[in-house]
Amino acid sequence: MSFDADFAAANDLLAEAFGGEVSLARGGATTEGVIGQLLLNTYSGENNEGITITVQMTDFVIARKDYQFGEGPVEPRKGDRITKQIAGVENTFEVTPAPDGRAVEWADPGGDEWLIHTRRVGP
């Protein structure tokens, strides 16, 4: 096995150990049972008027290969929804751009995982 293959295998194990199942939704399409790791991150940026805005966002780390709706992997986009059970309550998060305008970026240098910025929109 190569280092990259070993690293990918370790990433899968870590996602299972420290992540949890989430559901993805885009329009009428849904995907169940995806492993996603939830993170809370703080982002800062300037708005159009030069005022600095700082927000705390709920981010999800999800494998690129798993972010799909039946026809192969797709890039997460604004408006997609991620649902996760937290303390027995189903919570819904919507993909939303951070202050820098990006709703998604790579979570790792190899481009195997997405770091998806969201905001909670409902229980």
PDB file of N, CA and C in Angstrom:
ATOM      1  N   MET A   1       0.837  -1.189   0.000  1.00  0.00           N
ATOM      2  CA  MET A   1       0.000   0.000   0.000  1.00  0.00           C
ATOM      3  C   MET A   1       0.876   1.244   0.000  1.00  0.00           C
ATOM      4  N   SER A   2       0.431   2.265  -0.694  1.00  0.00           N
ATOM      5  CA  SER A   2       1.157   3.530  -0.723  1.00  0.00           C
ATOM      6  C   SER A   2       0.773   4.377   0.492  1.00  0.00           C
ATOM      7  N   PHE A   3       1.547   5.427   0.713  1.00  0.00           N
ATOM      8  CA  PHE A   3       1.233   6.344   1.807  1.00  0.00           C
ATOM      9  C   PHE A   3      -0.156   6.953   1.614  1.00  0.00           C
ATOM     10  N   ASP A   4      -0.463   7.358   0.369  1.00  0.00           N
ATOM     11  CA  ASP A   4      -1.774   7.967   0.095  1.00  0.00           C
ATOM     12  C   ASP A   4      -2.917   7.006   0.414  1.00  0.00           C
ATOM     13  N   ALA A   5      -2.754   5.739   0.037  1.00  0.00           N
ATOM     14  CA  ALA A   5      -3.795   4.744   0.313  1.00  0.00           C
ATOM     15  C   ALA A   5      -3.928   4.513   1.814  1.00  0.00           C
ATOM     16  N   ASP A   6      -2.796   4.444   2.521  1.00  0.00           N
ATOM     17  CA  ASP A   6      -2.827   4.289   3.975  1.00  0.00           C
ATOM     18  C   ASP A   6      -3.510   5.484   4.635  1.00  0.00           C
ATOM     19  N   PHE A   7      -3.170   6.690   4.143  1.00  0.00           N
ATOM     20  CA  PHE A   7      -3.756   7.903   4.696  1.00  0.00           C
ATOM     21  C   PHE A   7      -5.265   7.923   4.461  1.00  0.00           C
ATOM     22  N   ALA A   8      -5.700   7.541   3.268  1.00  0.00           N
ATOM     23  CA  ALA A   8      -7.130   7.505   2.950  1.00  0.00           C
ATOM     24  C   ALA A   8      -7.862   6.508   3.842  1.00  0.00           C
ATOM     25  N   ALA A   9      -7.260   5.343   4.063  1.00  0.00           N
ATOM     26  CA  ALA A   9      -7.877   4.337   4.927  1.00  0.00           C
ATOM     27  C   ALA A   9      -7.982   4.854   6.363  1.00  0.00           C
ATOM     28  N   ALA A  10      -6.934   5.521   6.838  1.00  0.00           N
ATOM     29  CA  ALA A  10      -6.955   6.086   8.189  1.00  0.00           C
ATOM     30  C   ALA A  10      -8.016   7.182   8.291  1.00  0.00           C
ATOM     31  N   ASN A  11      -8.155   8.002   7.243  1.00  0.00           N
ATOM     32  CA  ASN A  11      -9.176   9.052   7.229  1.00  0.00           C
ATOM     33  C   ASN A  11     -10.574   8.460   7.362  1.00  0.00           C
ATOM     34  N   ASP A  12     -10.839   7.361   6.653  1.00  0.00           N
ATOM     35  CA  ASP A  12     -12.141   6.697   6.733  1.00  0.00           C
ATOM     36  C   ASP A  12     -12.422   6.203   8.149  1.00  0.00           C
ATOM     37  N   LEU A  13     -11.408   5.616   8.786  1.00  0.00           N
ATOM     38  CA  LEU A  13     -11.570   5.126  10.161  1.00  0.00           C
ATOM     39  C   LEU A  13     -11.814   6.275  11.138  1.00  0.00           C
ATOM     40  N   LEU A  14     -11.072   7.371  10.968  1.00  0.00           N
ATOM     41  CA  LEU A  14     -11.251   8.528  11.845  1.00  0.00           C
ATOM     42  C   LEU A  14     -12.628   9.148  11.668  1.00  0.00           C
ATOM     43  N   ALA A  15     -13.112   9.209  10.435  1.00  0.00           N
ATOM     44  CA  ALA A  15     -14.453   9.772  10.187  1.00  0.00           C
ATOM     45  C   ALA A  15     -15.507   8.931  10.878  1.00  0.00           C
ATOM     46  N   GLU A  16     -15.352   7.628  10.833  1.00  0.00           N
ATOM     47  CA  GLU A  16     -16.311   6.761  11.509  1.00  0.00           C
ATOM     48  C   GLU A  16     -16.221   6.912  13.017  1.00  0.00           C
ATOM     49  N   ALA A  17     -14.982   7.082  13.539  1.00  0.00           N
ATOM     50  CA  ALA A  17     -14.790   7.185  14.980  1.00  0.00           C
ATOM     51  C   ALA A  17     -15.266   8.527  15.532  1.00  0.00           C
ATOM     52  N   PHE A  18     -15.028   9.612  14.804  1.00  0.00           N
ATOM     53  CA  PHE A  18     -15.305  10.943  15.334  1.00  0.00           C
ATOM     54  C   PHE A  18     -16.449  11.657  14.621  1.00  0.00           C
ATOM     55  N   GLY A  19     -17.005  11.049  13.599  1.00  0.00           N
ATOM     56  CA  GLY A  19     -18.133  11.633  12.889  1.00  0.00           C
ATOM     57  C   GLY A  19     -19.404  10.909  13.280  1.00  0.00           C
ATOM     58  N   GLY A  20     -20.439  11.179  12.540  1.00  0.00           N
ATOM     59  CA  GLY A  20     -21.709  10.522  12.760  1.00  0.00           C
ATOM     60  C   GLY A  20     -22.503  10.560  11.480  1.00  0.00           C
ATOM     61  N   GLU A  21     -23.594   9.815  11.453  1.00  0.00           N
ATOM     62  CA  GLU A  21     -24.397   9.779  10.236  1.00  0.00           C
ATOM     63  C   GLU A  21     -25.176  11.073  10.063  1.00  0.00           C
ATOM     64  N   VAL A  22     -25.188  11.549   8.828  1.00  0.00           N
ATOM     65  CA  VAL A  22     -25.982  12.712   8.452  1.00  0.00           C
ATOM     66  C   VAL A  22     -26.754  12.368   7.187  1.00  0.00           C
ATOM     67  N   SER A  23     -27.763  13.167   6.907  1.00  0.00           N
ATOM     68  CA  SER A  23     -28.519  13.057   5.657  1.00  0.00           C
ATOM     69  C   SER A  23     -28.270  14.322   4.860  1.00  0.00           C
ATOM     70  N   LEU A  24     -28.198  14.179   3.544  1.00  0.00           N
ATOM     71  CA  LEU A  24     -27.992  15.303   2.639  1.00  0.00           C
ATOM     72  C   LEU A  24     -29.258  15.519   1.827  1.00  0.00           C
ATOM     73  N   ALA A  25     -29.593  16.769   1.540  1.00  0.00           N
ATOM     74  CA  ALA A  25     -30.768  17.057   0.713  1.00  0.00           C
ATOM     75  C   ALA A  25     -30.469  18.214  -0.225  1.00  0.00           C
ATOM     76  N   ARG A  26     -30.911  18.047  -1.470  1.00  0.00           N
ATOM     77  CA  ARG A  26     -30.830  19.101  -2.486  1.00  0.00           C
ATOM     78  C   ARG A  26     -32.102  18.987  -3.311  1.00  0.00           C
ATOM     79  N   GLY A  27     -32.929  20.025  -3.232  1.00  0.00           N
ATOM     80  CA  GLY A  27     -34.213  19.951  -3.930  1.00  0.00           C
ATOM     81  C   GLY A  27     -34.999  18.766  -3.387  1.00  0.00           C
ATOM     82  N   GLY A  28     -35.459  17.891  -4.258  1.00  0.00           N
ATOM     83  CA  GLY A  28     -36.202  16.711  -3.830  1.00  0.00           C
ATOM     84  C   GLY A  28     -35.340  15.485  -3.626  1.00  0.00           C
ATOM     85  N   ALA A  29     -34.029  15.584  -3.870  1.00  0.00           N
ATOM     86  CA  ALA A  29     -33.135  14.434  -3.741  1.00  0.00           C
ATOM     87  C   ALA A  29     -32.525  14.384  -2.343  1.00  0.00           C
ATOM     88  N   THR A  30     -32.424  13.172  -1.782  1.00  0.00           N
ATOM     89  CA  THR A  30     -31.788  12.995  -0.477  1.00  0.00           C
ATOM     90  C   THR A  30     -30.831  11.817  -0.517  1.00  0.00           C
ATOM     91  N   THR A  31     -29.841  11.869   0.350  1.00  0.00           N
ATOM     92  CA  THR A  31     -28.901  10.773   0.552  1.00  0.00           C
ATOM     93  C   THR A  31     -28.784  10.549   2.048  1.00  0.00           C
ATOM     94  N   GLU A  32     -28.993   9.320   2.482  1.00  0.00           N
ATOM     95  CA  GLU A  32     -28.976   8.969   3.909  1.00  0.00           C
ATOM     96  C   GLU A  32     -27.672   8.246   4.256  1.00  0.00           C
ATOM     97  N   GLY A  33     -27.321   8.251   5.533  1.00  0.00           N
ATOM     98  CA  GLY A  33     -26.228   7.429   6.037  1.00  0.00           C
ATOM     99  C   GLY A  33     -24.829   7.877   5.678  1.00  0.00           C
ATOM    100  N   VAL A  34     -24.650   9.153   5.396  1.00  0.00           N
ATOM    101  CA  VAL A  34     -23.330   9.700   5.074  1.00  0.00           C
ATOM    102  C   VAL A  34     -22.617  10.024   6.386  1.00  0.00           C
ATOM    103  N   ILE A  35     -21.330   9.732   6.466  1.00  0.00           N
ATOM    104  CA  ILE A  35     -20.554  10.067   7.661  1.00  0.00           C
ATOM    105  C   ILE A  35     -20.081  11.512   7.555  1.00  0.00           C
ATOM    106  N   GLY A  36     -20.404  12.306   8.581  1.00  0.00           N
ATOM    107  CA  GLY A  36     -19.992  13.703   8.615  1.00  0.00           C
ATOM    108  C   GLY A  36     -19.535  14.085  10.006  1.00  0.00           C
ATOM    109  N   GLN A  37     -18.460  14.830  10.055  1.00  0.00           N
ATOM    110  CA  GLN A  37     -17.949  15.320  11.330  1.00  0.00           C
ATOM    111  C   GLN A  37     -18.388  16.764  11.509  1.00  0.00           C
ATOM    112  N   LEU A  38     -19.008  17.069  12.639  1.00  0.00           N
ATOM    113  CA  LEU A  38     -19.508  18.408  12.935  1.00  0.00           C
ATOM    114  C   LEU A  38     -18.441  19.196  13.680  1.00  0.00           C
ATOM    115  N   LEU A  39     -18.194  20.426  13.233  1.00  0.00           N
ATOM    116  CA  LEU A  39     -17.231  21.321  13.874  1.00  0.00           C
ATOM    117  C   LEU A  39     -17.865  22.687  14.072  1.00  0.00           C
ATOM    118  N   LEU A  40     -17.471  23.399  15.102  1.00  0.00           N
ATOM    119  CA  LEU A  40     -17.877  24.792  15.280  1.00  0.00           C
ATOM    120  C   LEU A  40     -16.648  25.650  15.016  1.00  0.00           C
ATOM    121  N   ASN A  41     -16.748  26.579  14.058  1.00  0.00           N
ATOM    122  CA  ASN A  41     -15.631  27.444  13.695  1.00  0.00           C
ATOM    123  C   ASN A  41     -16.083  28.891  13.670  1.00  0.00           C
ATOM    124  N   THR A  42     -15.154  29.788  13.935  1.00  0.00           N
ATOM    125  CA  THR A  42     -15.418  31.223  13.895  1.00  0.00           C
ATOM    126  C   THR A  42     -14.721  31.806  12.667  1.00  0.00           C
ATOM    127  N   TYR A  43     -15.464  32.617  11.914  1.00  0.00           N
ATOM    128  CA  TYR A  43     -14.937  33.234  10.697  1.00  0.00           C
ATOM    129  C   TYR A  43     -15.139  34.738  10.767  1.00  0.00           C
ATOM    130  N   SER A  44     -14.176  35.480  10.213  1.00  0.00           N
ATOM    131  CA  SER A  44     -14.273  36.935  10.133  1.00  0.00           C
ATOM    132  C   SER A  44     -14.056  37.379   8.701  1.00  0.00           C
ATOM    133  N   GLY A  45     -14.665  38.488   8.357  1.00  0.00           N
ATOM    134  CA  GLY A  45     -14.494  39.070   7.034  1.00  0.00           C
ATOM    135  C   GLY A  45     -15.158  40.428   7.004  1.00  0.00           C
ATOM    136  N   GLU A  46     -14.882  41.176   5.945  1.00  0.00           N
ATOM    137  CA  GLU A  46     -15.480  42.493   5.796  1.00  0.00           C
ATOM    138  C   GLU A  46     -16.666  42.430   4.847  1.00  0.00           C
ATOM    139  N   ASN A  47     -17.712  43.183   5.191  1.00  0.00           N
ATOM    140  CA  ASN A  47     -18.846  43.261   4.283  1.00  0.00           C
ATOM    141  C   ASN A  47     -18.572  44.335   3.230  1.00  0.00           C
ATOM    142  N   ASN A  48     -19.552  44.629   2.380  1.00  0.00           N
ATOM    143  CA  ASN A  48     -19.372  45.597   1.289  1.00  0.00           C
ATOM    144  C   ASN A  48     -19.085  47.009   1.769  1.00  0.00           C
ATOM    145  N   GLU A  49     -19.434  47.300   3.018  1.00  0.00           N
ATOM    146  CA  GLU A  49     -19.223  48.637   3.566  1.00  0.00           C
ATOM    147  C   GLU A  49     -17.940  48.735   4.386  1.00  0.00           C
ATOM    148  N   GLY A  50     -17.122  47.661   4.385  1.00  0.00           N
ATOM    149  CA  GLY A  50     -15.856  47.671   5.099  1.00  0.00           C
ATOM    150  C   GLY A  50     -15.966  47.357   6.576  1.00  0.00           C
ATOM    151  N   ILE A  51     -17.121  46.913   7.017  1.00  0.00           N
ATOM    152  CA  ILE A  51     -17.331  46.577   8.428  1.00  0.00           C
ATOM    153  C   ILE A  51     -16.952  45.120   8.646  1.00  0.00           C
ATOM    154  N   THR A  52     -16.132  44.865   9.659  1.00  0.00           N
ATOM    155  CA  THR A  52     -15.718  43.501   9.966  1.00  0.00           C
ATOM    156  C   THR A  52     -16.859  42.746  10.635  1.00  0.00           C
ATOM    157  N   ILE A  53     -17.140  41.565  10.107  1.00  0.00           N
ATOM    158  CA  ILE A  53     -18.191  40.705  10.640  1.00  0.00           C
ATOM    159  C   ILE A  53     -17.537  39.414  11.112  1.00  0.00           C
ATOM    160  N   THR A  54     -17.892  38.987  12.325  1.00  0.00           N
ATOM    161  CA  THR A  54     -17.412  37.722  12.869  1.00  0.00           C
ATOM    162  C   THR A  54     -18.622  36.856  13.169  1.00  0.00           C
ATOM    163  N   VAL A  55     -18.598  35.626  12.656  1.00  0.00           N
ATOM    164  CA  VAL A  55     -19.716  34.706  12.868  1.00  0.00           C
ATOM    165  C   VAL A  55     -19.191  33.341  13.285  1.00  0.00           C
ATOM    166  N   GLN A  56     -19.997  32.643  14.064  1.00  0.00           N
ATOM    167  CA  GLN A  56     -19.692  31.256  14.373  1.00  0.00           C
ATOM    168  C   GLN A  56     -20.581  30.397  13.491  1.00  0.00           C
ATOM    169  N   MET A  57     -19.983  29.437  12.806  1.00  0.00           N
ATOM    170  CA  MET A  57     -20.723  28.588  11.887  1.00  0.00           C
ATOM    171  C   MET A  57     -20.547  27.131  12.283  1.00  0.00           C
ATOM    172  N   THR A  58     -21.531  26.342  11.932  1.00  0.00           N
ATOM    173  CA  THR A  58     -21.445  24.897  12.103  1.00  0.00           C
ATOM    174  C   THR A  58     -20.930  24.336  10.786  1.00  0.00           C
ATOM    175  N   ASP A  59     -19.758  23.749  10.825  1.00  0.00           N
ATOM    176  CA  ASP A  59     -19.152  23.165   9.629  1.00  0.00           C
ATOM    177  C   ASP A  59     -19.267  21.651   9.685  1.00  0.00           C
ATOM    178  N   PHE A  60     -19.341  21.049   8.524  1.00  0.00           N
ATOM    179  CA  PHE A  60     -19.321  19.597   8.407  1.00  0.00           C
ATOM    180  C   PHE A  60     -18.161  19.200   7.512  1.00  0.00           C
ATOM    181  N   VAL A  61     -17.427  18.180   7.944  1.00  0.00           N
ATOM    182  CA  VAL A  61     -16.401  17.564   7.107  1.00  0.00           C
ATOM    183  C   VAL A  61     -17.008  16.277   6.562  1.00  0.00           C
ATOM    184  N   ILE A  62     -17.128  16.221   5.234  1.00  0.00           N
ATOM    185  CA  ILE A  62     -17.729  15.071   4.571  1.00  0.00           C
ATOM    186  C   ILE A  62     -16.839  14.667   3.406  1.00  0.00           C
ATOM    187  N   ALA A  63     -16.614  13.368   3.259  1.00  0.00           N
ATOM    188  CA  ALA A  63     -15.783  12.871   2.164  1.00  0.00           C
ATOM    189  C   ALA A  63     -16.378  13.280   0.820  1.00  0.00           C
ATOM    190  N   ARG A  64     -15.521  13.729  -0.070  1.00  0.00           N
ATOM    191  CA  ARG A  64     -15.963  14.156  -1.408  1.00  0.00           C
ATOM    192  C   ARG A  64     -16.740  13.054  -2.109  1.00  0.00           C
ATOM    193  N   LYS A  65     -16.272  11.813  -1.994  1.00  0.00           N
ATOM    194  CA  LYS A  65     -16.915  10.677  -2.676  1.00  0.00           C
ATOM    195  C   LYS A  65     -18.320  10.402  -2.140  1.00  0.00           C
ATOM    196  N   ASP A  66     -18.606  10.833  -0.905  1.00  0.00           N
ATOM    197  CA  ASP A  66     -19.906  10.566  -0.282  1.00  0.00           C
ATOM    198  C   ASP A  66     -20.935  11.661  -0.520  1.00  0.00           C
ATOM    199  N   TYR A  67     -20.486  12.835  -0.986  1.00  0.00           N
ATOM    200  CA  TYR A  67     -21.430  13.939  -1.193  1.00  0.00           C
ATOM    201  C   TYR A  67     -22.031  13.792  -2.583  1.00  0.00           C
ATOM    202  N   GLN A  68     -23.133  13.036  -2.631  1.00  0.00           N
ATOM    203  CA  GLN A  68     -23.766  12.752  -3.914  1.00  0.00           C
ATOM    204  C   GLN A  68     -25.250  12.491  -3.727  1.00  0.00           C
ATOM    205  N   PHE A  69     -25.942  12.547  -4.851  1.00  0.00           N
ATOM    206  CA  PHE A  69     -27.383  12.321  -4.865  1.00  0.00           C
ATOM    207  C   PHE A  69     -27.749  11.288  -5.924  1.00  0.00           C
ATOM    208  N   GLY A  70     -26.924  10.245  -6.043  1.00  0.00           N
ATOM    209  CA  GLY A  70     -27.245   9.123  -6.917  1.00  0.00           C
ATOM    210  C   GLY A  70     -26.530   9.073  -8.249  1.00  0.00           C
ATOM    211  N   GLU A  71     -25.917  10.162  -8.681  1.00  0.00           N
ATOM    212  CA  GLU A  71     -25.244  10.164  -9.984  1.00  0.00           C
ATOM    213  C   GLU A  71     -23.768  10.498  -9.857  1.00  0.00           C
ATOM    214  N   GLY A  72     -23.163  10.156  -8.753  1.00  0.00           N
ATOM    215  CA  GLY A  72     -21.754  10.446  -8.524  1.00  0.00           C
ATOM    216  C   GLY A  72     -21.577  11.708  -7.697  1.00  0.00           C
ATOM    217  N   PRO A  73     -20.364  11.911  -7.183  1.00  0.00           N
ATOM    218  CA  PRO A  73     -20.082  13.045  -6.297  1.00  0.00           C
ATOM    219  C   PRO A  73     -20.357  14.390  -6.964  1.00  0.00           C
ATOM    220  N   VAL A  74     -20.872  15.319  -6.167  1.00  0.00           N
ATOM    221  CA  VAL A  74     -21.123  16.691  -6.608  1.00  0.00           C
ATOM    222  C   VAL A  74     -20.557  17.645  -5.565  1.00  0.00           C
ATOM    223  N   GLU A  75     -20.351  18.878  -5.968  1.00  0.00           N
ATOM    224  CA  GLU A  75     -19.865  19.887  -5.026  1.00  0.00           C
ATOM    225  C   GLU A  75     -21.037  20.420  -4.206  1.00  0.00           C
ATOM    226  N   PRO A  76     -20.863  20.526  -2.887  1.00  0.00           N
ATOM    227  CA  PRO A  76     -21.917  21.133  -2.071  1.00  0.00           C
ATOM    228  C   PRO A  76     -22.172  22.558  -2.547  1.00  0.00           C
ATOM    229  N   ARG A  77     -23.426  23.003  -2.432  1.00  0.00           N
ATOM    230  CA  ARG A  77     -23.732  24.366  -2.852  1.00  0.00           C
ATOM    231  C   ARG A  77     -24.727  25.012  -1.896  1.00  0.00           C
ATOM    232  N   LYS A  78     -24.741  26.337  -1.938  1.00  0.00           N
ATOM    233  CA  LYS A  78     -25.628  27.117  -1.086  1.00  0.00           C
ATOM    234  C   LYS A  78     -27.053  26.601  -1.226  1.00  0.00           C
ATOM    235  N   GLY A  79     -27.708  26.407  -0.073  1.00  0.00           N
ATOM    236  CA  GLY A  79     -29.082  25.921  -0.064  1.00  0.00           C
ATOM    237  C   GLY A  79     -29.222  24.432   0.190  1.00  0.00           C
ATOM    238  N   ASP A  80     -28.157  23.644  -0.045  1.00  0.00           N
ATOM    239  CA  ASP A  80     -28.210  22.227   0.309  1.00  0.00           C
ATOM    240  C   ASP A  80     -28.478  22.133   1.805  1.00  0.00           C
ATOM    241  N   ARG A  81     -29.082  21.034   2.208  1.00  0.00           N
ATOM    242  CA  ARG A  81     -29.378  20.837   3.632  1.00  0.00           C
ATOM    243  C   ARG A  81     -28.704  19.582   4.151  1.00  0.00           C
ATOM    244  N   ILE A  82     -28.214  19.670   5.393  1.00  0.00           N
ATOM    245  CA  ILE A  82     -27.589  18.544   6.089  1.00  0.00           C
ATOM    246  C   ILE A  82     -28.369  18.359   7.386  1.00  0.00           C
ATOM    247  N   THR A  83     -28.834  17.138   7.623  1.00  0.00           N
ATOM    248  CA  THR A  83     -29.606  16.842   8.824  1.00  0.00           C
ATOM    249  C   THR A  83     -28.815  15.878   9.696  1.00  0.00           C
ATOM    250  N   LYS A  84     -28.771  16.175  10.993  1.00  0.00           N
ATOM    251  CA  LYS A  84     -28.029  15.346  11.952  1.00  0.00           C
ATOM    252  C   LYS A  84     -28.797  15.259  13.254  1.00  0.00           C
ATOM    253  N   GLN A  85     -28.822  14.055  13.830  1.00  0.00           N
ATOM    254  CA  GLN A  85     -29.415  13.857  15.154  1.00  0.00           C
ATOM    255  C   GLN A  85     -28.419  14.347  16.207  1.00  0.00           C
ATOM    256  N   ILE A  86     -28.884  15.230  17.082  1.00  0.00           N
ATOM    257  CA  ILE A  86     -28.063  15.720  18.190  1.00  0.00           C
ATOM    258  C   ILE A  86     -28.901  15.583  19.451  1.00  0.00           C
ATOM    259  N   ALA A  87     -28.422  14.794  20.396  1.00  0.00           N
ATOM    260  CA  ALA A  87     -29.132  14.547  21.660  1.00  0.00           C
ATOM    261  C   ALA A  87     -30.570  14.096  21.402  1.00  0.00           C
ATOM    262  N   GLY A  88     -30.745  13.234  20.402  1.00  0.00           N
ATOM    263  CA  GLY A  88     -32.047  12.668  20.114  1.00  0.00           C
ATOM    264  C   GLY A  88     -32.978  13.563  19.305  1.00  0.00           C
ATOM    265  N   VAL A  89     -32.509  14.757  18.928  1.00  0.00           N
ATOM    266  CA  VAL A  89     -33.325  15.697  18.155  1.00  0.00           C
ATOM    267  C   VAL A  89     -32.712  15.862  16.771  1.00  0.00           C
ATOM    268  N   GLU A  90     -33.557  15.761  15.738  1.00  0.00           N
ATOM    269  CA  GLU A  90     -33.080  15.948  14.373  1.00  0.00           C
ATOM    270  C   GLU A  90     -32.911  17.438  14.093  1.00  0.00           C
ATOM    271  N   ASN A  91     -31.677  17.854  13.774  1.00  0.00           N
ATOM    272  CA  ASN A  91     -31.362  19.253  13.493  1.00  0.00           C
ATOM    273  C   ASN A  91     -31.030  19.406  12.018  1.00  0.00           C
ATOM    274  N   THR A  92     -31.512  20.500  11.423  1.00  0.00           N
ATOM    275  CA  THR A  92     -31.262  20.762  10.011  1.00  0.00           C
ATOM    276  C   THR A  92     -30.359  21.975   9.865  1.00  0.00           C
ATOM    277  N   PHE A  93     -29.361  21.842   9.008  1.00  0.00           N
ATOM    278  CA  PHE A  93     -28.390  22.893   8.731  1.00  0.00           C
ATOM    279  C   PHE A  93     -28.412  23.179   7.236  1.00  0.00           C
ATOM    280  N   GLU A  94     -28.288  24.447   6.867  1.00  0.00           N
ATOM    281  CA  GLU A  94     -28.290  24.825   5.455  1.00  0.00           C
ATOM    282  C   GLU A  94     -26.912  25.332   5.057  1.00  0.00           C
ATOM    283  N   VAL A  95     -26.426  24.869   3.908  1.00  0.00           N
ATOM    284  CA  VAL A  95     -25.132  25.321   3.398  1.00  0.00           C
ATOM    285  C   VAL A  95     -25.232  26.823   3.124  1.00  0.00           C
ATOM    286  N   THR A  96     -24.322  27.582   3.758  1.00  0.00           N
ATOM    287  CA  THR A  96     -24.347  29.037   3.737  1.00  0.00           C
ATOM    288  C   THR A  96     -22.920  29.563   3.620  1.00  0.00           C
ATOM    289  N   PRO A  97     -22.683  30.565   2.793  1.00  0.00           N
ATOM    290  CA  PRO A  97     -21.333  31.113   2.687  1.00  0.00           C
ATOM    291  C   PRO A  97     -20.847  31.742   3.994  1.00  0.00           C
ATOM    292  N   ALA A  98     -19.557  31.579   4.254  1.00  0.00           N
ATOM    293  CA  ALA A  98     -18.890  32.282   5.351  1.00  0.00           C
ATOM    294  C   ALA A  98     -18.696  33.736   4.918  1.00  0.00           C
ATOM    295  N   PRO A  99     -18.235  34.611   5.816  1.00  0.00           N
ATOM    296  CA  PRO A  99     -18.051  36.015   5.436  1.00  0.00           C
ATOM    297  C   PRO A  99     -17.156  36.232   4.205  1.00  0.00           C
ATOM    298  N   ASP A 100     -16.261  35.295   3.909  1.00  0.00           N
ATOM    299  CA  ASP A 100     -15.402  35.454   2.721  1.00  0.00           C
ATOM    300  C   ASP A 100     -16.112  35.051   1.427  1.00  0.00           C
ATOM    301  N   GLY A 101     -17.381  34.602   1.534  1.00  0.00           N
ATOM    302  CA  GLY A 101     -18.157  34.259   0.350  1.00  0.00           C
ATOM    303  C   GLY A 101     -18.126  32.794  -0.039  1.00  0.00           C
ATOM    304  N   ARG A 102     -17.276  32.006   0.608  1.00  0.00           N
ATOM    305  CA  ARG A 102     -17.184  30.583   0.269  1.00  0.00           C
ATOM    306  C   ARG A 102     -18.119  29.766   1.147  1.00  0.00           C
ATOM    307  N   ALA A 103     -18.920  28.928   0.512  1.00  0.00           N
ATOM    308  CA  ALA A 103     -19.798  28.028   1.261  1.00  0.00           C
ATOM    309  C   ALA A 103     -19.122  26.693   1.512  1.00  0.00           C
ATOM    310  N   VAL A 104     -18.089  26.404   0.746  1.00  0.00           N
ATOM    311  CA  VAL A 104     -17.397  25.120   0.851  1.00  0.00           C
ATOM    312  C   VAL A 104     -15.932  25.311   0.472  1.00  0.00           C
ATOM    313  N   GLU A 105     -15.070  24.528   1.094  1.00  0.00           N
ATOM    314  CA  GLU A 105     -13.644  24.514   0.755  1.00  0.00           C
ATOM    315  C   GLU A 105     -13.098  23.134   1.079  1.00  0.00           C
ATOM    316  N   TRP A 106     -11.884  22.889   0.680  1.00  0.00           N
ATOM    317  CA  TRP A 106     -11.281  21.583   0.967  1.00  0.00           C
ATOM    318  C   TRP A 106     -10.898  21.507   2.441  1.00  0.00           C
ATOM    319  N   ALA A 107     -11.168  20.358   3.056  1.00  0.00           N
ATOM    320  CA  ALA A 107     -10.799  20.132   4.456  1.00  0.00           C
ATOM    321  C   ALA A 107      -9.400  19.554   4.571  1.00  0.00           C
ATOM    322  N   ASP A 108      -8.880  19.048   3.458  1.00  0.00           N
ATOM    323  CA  ASP A 108      -7.564  18.415   3.478  1.00  0.00           C
ATOM    324  C   ASP A 108      -6.805  18.808   2.219  1.00  0.00           C
ATOM    325  N   PRO A 109      -5.472  18.747   2.268  1.00  0.00           N
ATOM    326  CA  PRO A 109      -4.683  19.173   1.106  1.00  0.00           C
ATOM    327  C   PRO A 109      -4.868  18.283  -0.131  1.00  0.00           C
ATOM    328  N   GLY A 110      -5.307  17.055   0.051  1.00  0.00           N
ATOM    329  CA  GLY A 110      -5.483  16.144  -1.081  1.00  0.00           C
ATOM    330  C   GLY A 110      -6.820  16.296  -1.788  1.00  0.00           C
ATOM    331  N   GLY A 111      -7.731  17.090  -1.243  1.00  0.00           N
ATOM    332  CA  GLY A 111      -9.034  17.290  -1.865  1.00  0.00           C
ATOM    333  C   GLY A 111      -9.964  16.099  -1.734  1.00  0.00           C
ATOM    334  N   ASP A 112      -9.793  15.307  -0.672  1.00  0.00           N
ATOM    335  CA  ASP A 112     -10.654  14.144  -0.463  1.00  0.00           C
ATOM    336  C   ASP A 112     -11.870  14.441   0.401  1.00  0.00           C
ATOM    337  N   GLU A 113     -11.837  15.577   1.117  1.00  0.00           N
ATOM    338  CA  GLU A 113     -12.932  15.916   2.024  1.00  0.00           C
ATOM    339  C   GLU A 113     -13.329  17.373   1.858  1.00  0.00           C
ATOM    340  N   TRP A 114     -14.632  17.607   1.933  1.00  0.00           N
ATOM    341  CA  TRP A 114     -15.157  18.961   1.909  1.00  0.00           C
ATOM    342  C   TRP A 114     -15.267  19.503   3.328  1.00  0.00           C
ATOM    343  N   LEU A 115     -15.005  20.780   3.506  1.00  0.00           N
ATOM    344  CA  LEU A 115     -15.345  21.527   4.719  1.00  0.00           C
ATOM    345  C   LEU A 115     -16.518  22.407   4.307  1.00  0.00           C
ATOM    346  N   ILE A 116     -17.700  22.079   4.813  1.00  0.00           N
ATOM    347  CA  ILE A 116     -18.943  22.700   4.357  1.00  0.00           C
ATOM    348  C   ILE A 116     -19.463  23.629   5.452  1.00  0.00           C
ATOM    349  N   HIS A 117     -19.609  24.914   5.124  1.00  0.00           N
ATOM    350  CA  HIS A 117     -20.093  25.913   6.072  1.00  0.00           C
ATOM    351  C   HIS A 117     -21.619  25.914   6.079  1.00  0.00           C
ATOM    352  N   THR A 118     -22.204  25.862   7.282  1.00  0.00           N
ATOM    353  CA  THR A 118     -23.665  25.836   7.403  1.00  0.00           C
ATOM    354  C   THR A 118     -24.126  26.732   8.543  1.00  0.00           C
ATOM    355  N   ARG A 119     -25.433  26.924   8.545  1.00  0.00           N
ATOM    356  CA  ARG A 119     -26.104  27.554   9.697  1.00  0.00           C
ATOM    357  C   ARG A 119     -27.306  26.686  10.027  1.00  0.00           C
ATOM    358  N   ARG A 120     -27.609  26.603  11.298  1.00  0.00           N
ATOM    359  CA  ARG A 120     -28.755  25.797  11.735  1.00  0.00           C
ATOM    360  C   ARG A 120     -30.035  26.525  11.362  1.00  0.00           C
ATOM    361  N   VAL A 121     -30.961  25.799  10.701  1.00  0.00           N
ATOM    362  CA  VAL A 121     -32.210  26.413  10.274  1.00  0.00           C
ATOM    363  C   VAL A 121     -33.427  25.789  10.948  1.00  0.00           C
ATOM    364  N   GLY A 122     -33.219  24.750  11.722  1.00  0.00           N
ATOM    365  CA  GLY A 122     -34.353  24.176  12.429  1.00  0.00           C
ATOM    366  C   GLY A 122     -34.044  22.862  13.107  1.00  0.00           C
ATOM    367  N   PRO A 123     -34.841  22.593  14.121  1.00  0.00           N
ATOM    368  CA  PRO A 123     -34.670  21.294  14.799  1.00  0.00           C
ATOM    369  C   PRO A 123     -35.249  20.171  13.982  1.00  0.00           C
TER     370      PRO A 123
END
